[in-house]
C-alpha atoms as a PDB file:
ATOM      1  CA  UNK A   1     -17.201 -12.508  -0.091  1.00  0.00           C
ATOM      2  CA  UNK A   2     -19.206 -13.743  -3.157  1.00  0.00           C
ATOM      3  CA  UNK A   3     -17.678 -15.305  -6.507  1.00  0.00           C
ATOM      4  CA  UNK A   4     -18.354 -12.944  -9.279  1.00  0.00           C
ATOM      5  CA  UNK A   5     -18.596 -14.918 -12.695  1.00  0.00           C
ATOM      6  CA  UNK A   6     -18.019 -13.022 -15.739  1.00  0.00           C
ATOM      7  CA  UNK A   7     -21.142 -13.051 -17.352  1.00  0.00           C
ATOM      8  CA  UNK A   8     -19.637  -9.953 -20.329  1.00  0.00           C
ATOM      9  CA  UNK A   9     -23.248  -8.099 -18.891  1.00  0.00           C
ATOM     10  CA  UNK A  10     -21.678  -3.926 -18.379  1.00  0.00           C
ATOM     11  CA  UNK A  11     -21.946  -3.043 -14.726  1.00  0.00           C
ATOM     12  CA  UNK A  12     -21.874   0.006 -12.446  1.00  0.00           C
ATOM     13  CA  UNK A  13     -19.227  -1.123 -10.216  1.00  0.00           C
ATOM     14  CA  UNK A  14     -20.185   0.693  -7.172  1.00  0.00           C
ATOM     15  CA  UNK A  15     -23.307  -0.911  -6.991  1.00  0.00           C
ATOM     16  CA  UNK A  16     -21.011  -4.201  -7.309  1.00  0.00           C
ATOM     17  CA  UNK A  17     -19.228  -2.806  -4.154  1.00  0.00           C
ATOM     18  CA  UNK A  18     -22.521  -1.709  -2.468  1.00  0.00           C
ATOM     19  CA  UNK A  19     -23.582  -5.048  -2.845  1.00  0.00           C
ATOM     20  CA  UNK A  20     -20.100  -6.874  -1.580  1.00  0.00           C
ATOM     21  CA  UNK A  21     -19.448  -4.345   1.299  1.00  0.00           C
ATOM     22  CA  UNK A  22     -22.234  -2.235   1.880  1.00  0.00           C
ATOM     23  CA  UNK A  23     -23.077   1.244   1.657  1.00  0.00           C
ATOM     24  CA  UNK A  24     -19.949   4.173   1.445  1.00  0.00           C
ATOM     25  CA  UNK A  25     -19.458   5.115   4.864  1.00  0.00           C
ATOM     26  CA  UNK A  26     -20.756   1.598   6.511  1.00  0.00           C
ATOM     27  CA  UNK A  27     -18.432  -0.186   9.173  1.00  0.00           C
ATOM     28  CA  UNK A  28     -18.208  -2.982   6.973  1.00  0.00           C
ATOM     29  CA  UNK A  29     -17.064  -1.259   3.744  1.00  0.00           C
ATOM     30  CA  UNK A  30     -14.457   0.491   5.882  1.00  0.00           C
ATOM     31  CA  UNK A  31     -12.902  -1.828   6.701  1.00  0.00           C
ATOM     32  CA  UNK A  32     -12.662  -3.675   3.309  1.00  0.00           C
ATOM     33  CA  UNK A  33     -11.374  -0.325   2.166  1.00  0.00           C
ATOM     34  CA  UNK A  34      -8.687   0.065   4.801  1.00  0.00           C
ATOM     35  CA  UNK A  35      -8.013  -3.660   4.652  1.00  0.00           C
ATOM     36  CA  UNK A  36      -7.329  -3.230   0.309  1.00  0.00           C
ATOM     37  CA  UNK A  37      -5.175  -0.408   1.179  1.00  0.00           C
ATOM     38  CA  UNK A  38      -3.241  -2.227   3.156  1.00  0.00           C
ATOM     39  CA  UNK A  39      -2.427  -4.841   0.652  1.00  0.00           C
ATOM     40  CA  UNK A  40      -2.260  -2.072  -2.049  1.00  0.00           C
ATOM     41  CA  UNK A  41       0.257  -0.139   0.488  1.00  0.00           C
ATOM     42  CA  UNK A  42       2.187  -3.207   0.821  1.00  0.00           C
ATOM     43  CA  UNK A  43       2.853  -4.230  -2.931  1.00  0.00           C
ATOM     44  CA  UNK A  44       3.786  -0.713  -3.374  1.00  0.00           C
ATOM     45  CA  UNK A  45       6.731  -1.390  -1.009  1.00  0.00           C
ATOM     46  CA  UNK A  46       7.889  -4.854  -1.696  1.00  0.00           C
ATOM     47  CA  UNK A  47       7.576  -4.061  -5.415  1.00  0.00           C
ATOM     48  CA  UNK A  48       9.998  -0.613  -4.660  1.00  0.00           C
ATOM     49  CA  UNK A  49      12.072  -3.648  -2.383  1.00  0.00           C
ATOM     50  CA  UNK A  50      12.651  -5.948  -5.044  1.00  0.00           C
ATOM     51  CA  UNK A  51      13.315  -2.875  -7.269  1.00  0.00           C
ATOM     52  CA  UNK A  52      16.300  -1.780  -5.673  1.00  0.00           C
ATOM     53  CA  UNK A  53      17.217  -5.783  -4.563  1.00  0.00           C
ATOM     54  CA  UNK A  54      17.136  -5.726  -1.120  1.00  0.00           C
ATOM     55  CA  UNK A  55      15.368  -8.744   0.516  1.00  0.00           C
ATOM     56  CA  UNK A  56      13.093  -8.870   3.429  1.00  0.00           C
ATOM     57  CA  UNK A  57      15.769  -9.835   5.962  1.00  0.00           C
ATOM     58  CA  UNK A  58      18.313  -6.660   4.604  1.00  0.00           C
ATOM     59  CA  UNK A  59      15.447  -4.372   5.188  1.00  0.00           C
ATOM     60  CA  UNK A  60      14.230  -5.396   8.573  1.00  0.00           C
ATOM     61  CA  UNK A  61      17.417  -5.174  10.061  1.00  0.00           C
ATOM     62  CA  UNK A  62      17.813  -2.346   8.647  1.00  0.00           C
ATOM     63  CA  UNK A  63      14.765  -0.699  10.356  1.00  0.00           C
ATOM     64  CA  UNK A  64      15.326  -3.048  13.437  1.00  0.00           C
ATOM     65  CA  UNK A  65      12.282  -5.061  12.480  1.00  0.00           C
ATOM     66  CA  UNK A  66      12.093  -8.801  11.629  1.00  0.00           C
ATOM     67  CA  UNK A  67      11.788 -10.616   8.166  1.00  0.00           C
ATOM     68  CA  UNK A  68       8.382 -11.820   9.419  1.00  0.00           C
ATOM     69  CA  UNK A  69       7.293  -8.497   9.931  1.00  0.00           C
ATOM     70  CA  UNK A  70       8.710  -7.437   6.791  1.00  0.00           C
ATOM     71  CA  UNK A  71       6.573 -10.023   4.982  1.00  0.00           C
ATOM     72  CA  UNK A  72       3.071  -9.278   6.883  1.00  0.00           C
ATOM     73  CA  UNK A  73       3.708  -5.299   6.026  1.00  0.00           C
ATOM     74  CA  UNK A  74       3.737  -6.611   2.376  1.00  0.00           C
ATOM     75  CA  UNK A  75       0.986  -8.930   2.085  1.00  0.00           C
ATOM     76  CA  UNK A  76      -1.419  -6.587   3.929  1.00  0.00           C
ATOM     77  CA  UNK A  77      -1.514  -8.304   7.277  1.00  0.00           C
ATOM     78  CA  UNK A  78      -0.109  -5.564   9.145  1.00  0.00           C
ATOM     79  CA  UNK A  79       0.158  -1.492   8.574  1.00  0.00           C
ATOM     80  CA  UNK A  80       3.078  -0.083  10.096  1.00  0.00           C
ATOM     81  CA  UNK A  81       3.221   2.840  12.389  1.00  0.00           C
ATOM     82  CA  UNK A  82       3.936   6.290  10.836  1.00  0.00           C
ATOM     83  CA  UNK A  83       7.887   5.848  12.011  1.00  0.00           C
ATOM     84  CA  UNK A  84       8.288   2.606  10.341  1.00  0.00           C
ATOM     85  CA  UNK A  85       6.505   3.145   7.663  1.00  0.00           C
ATOM     86  CA  UNK A  86       9.441   6.426   7.198  1.00  0.00           C
ATOM     87  CA  UNK A  87      11.918   4.417   7.722  1.00  0.00           C
ATOM     88  CA  UNK A  88      10.978   2.150   5.159  1.00  0.00           C
ATOM     89  CA  UNK A  89      10.863   4.033   2.848  1.00  0.00           C
ATOM     90  CA  UNK A  90      13.565   5.755   3.203  1.00  0.00           C
ATOM     91  CA  UNK A  91      15.611   2.399   3.109  1.00  0.00           C
ATOM     92  CA  UNK A  92      13.994   1.772  -0.552  1.00  0.00           C
ATOM     93  CA  UNK A  93      14.765   5.470  -1.687  1.00  0.00           C
ATOM     94  CA  UNK A  94      11.388   6.423  -1.795  1.00  0.00           C
ATOM     95  CA  UNK A  95       9.246   9.518  -0.791  1.00  0.00           C
ATOM     96  CA  UNK A  96       5.977  10.671   0.243  1.00  0.00           C
ATOM     97  CA  UNK A  97       4.516  13.175  -1.718  1.00  0.00           C
ATOM     98  CA  UNK A  98       0.949  14.452  -0.345  1.00  0.00           C
ATOM     99  CA  UNK A  99      -1.112  16.920  -2.652  1.00  0.00           C
ATOM    100  CA  UNK A 100      -4.185  17.990  -2.979  1.00  0.00           C
ATOM    101  CA  UNK A 101      -5.730  15.589  -5.307  1.00  0.00           C
ATOM    102  CA  UNK A 102      -9.012  13.730  -7.122  1.00  0.00           C
ATOM    103  CA  UNK A 103     -10.918  11.862  -5.239  1.00  0.00           C
ATOM    104  CA  UNK A 104      -8.853   8.629  -5.733  1.00  0.00           C
ATOM    105  CA  UNK A 105      -5.472   9.345  -5.575  1.00  0.00           C
ATOM    106  CA  UNK A 106      -4.907  11.268  -2.025  1.00  0.00           C
ATOM    107  CA  UNK A 107      -1.123  10.110  -1.992  1.00  0.00           C
ATOM    108  CA  UNK A 108       1.455   8.420  -3.750  1.00  0.00           C
ATOM    109  CA  UNK A 109       5.553   7.049  -3.031  1.00  0.00           C
ATOM    110  CA  UNK A 110       7.807   8.105  -5.502  1.00  0.00           C
ATOM    111  CA  UNK A 111      10.876   7.193  -6.635  1.00  0.00           C
ATOM    112  CA  UNK A 112      14.050   9.618  -5.134  1.00  0.00           C
ATOM    113  CA  UNK A 113      17.087   9.531  -6.945  1.00  0.00           C
ATOM    114  CA  UNK A 114      20.465   9.766  -5.230  1.00  0.00           C
ATOM    115  CA  UNK A 115      21.244  13.417  -7.110  1.00  0.00           C
ATOM    116  CA  UNK A 116      17.726  14.654  -5.976  1.00  0.00           C
ATOM    117  CA  UNK A 117      18.628  13.670  -2.179  1.00  0.00           C
ATOM    118  CA  UNK A 118      22.380  15.492  -2.714  1.00  0.00           C
ATOM    119  CA  UNK A 119      21.018  18.670  -4.506  1.00  0.00           C
ATOM    120  CA  UNK A 120      18.541  19.167  -1.209  1.00  0.00           C
END
């Protein structure tokens, strides 16, 4: 990865991404996007876990996993299976919201309150 220097010039960021990771749809670009999604998702889960004051050990215990696995997910090193992902978000009081969305936002995680759960 090249080091970028801020020279205060305005750039088309699509061309920067193309130069760094290849054209959209290329194998290199797809791999970079998957890594970015894994990291971003991990950070969302970590922020939610910290927000509800659950330790990695507690979360791991509640979903039948290990602390190191939770750490790897939060750091974008591992991508959990769909089942594990749903167990994690349930423990953290989140829900998946899938909407027909703009290009840049395909889905989001949303905090669910206990009152909302009881009303369902």
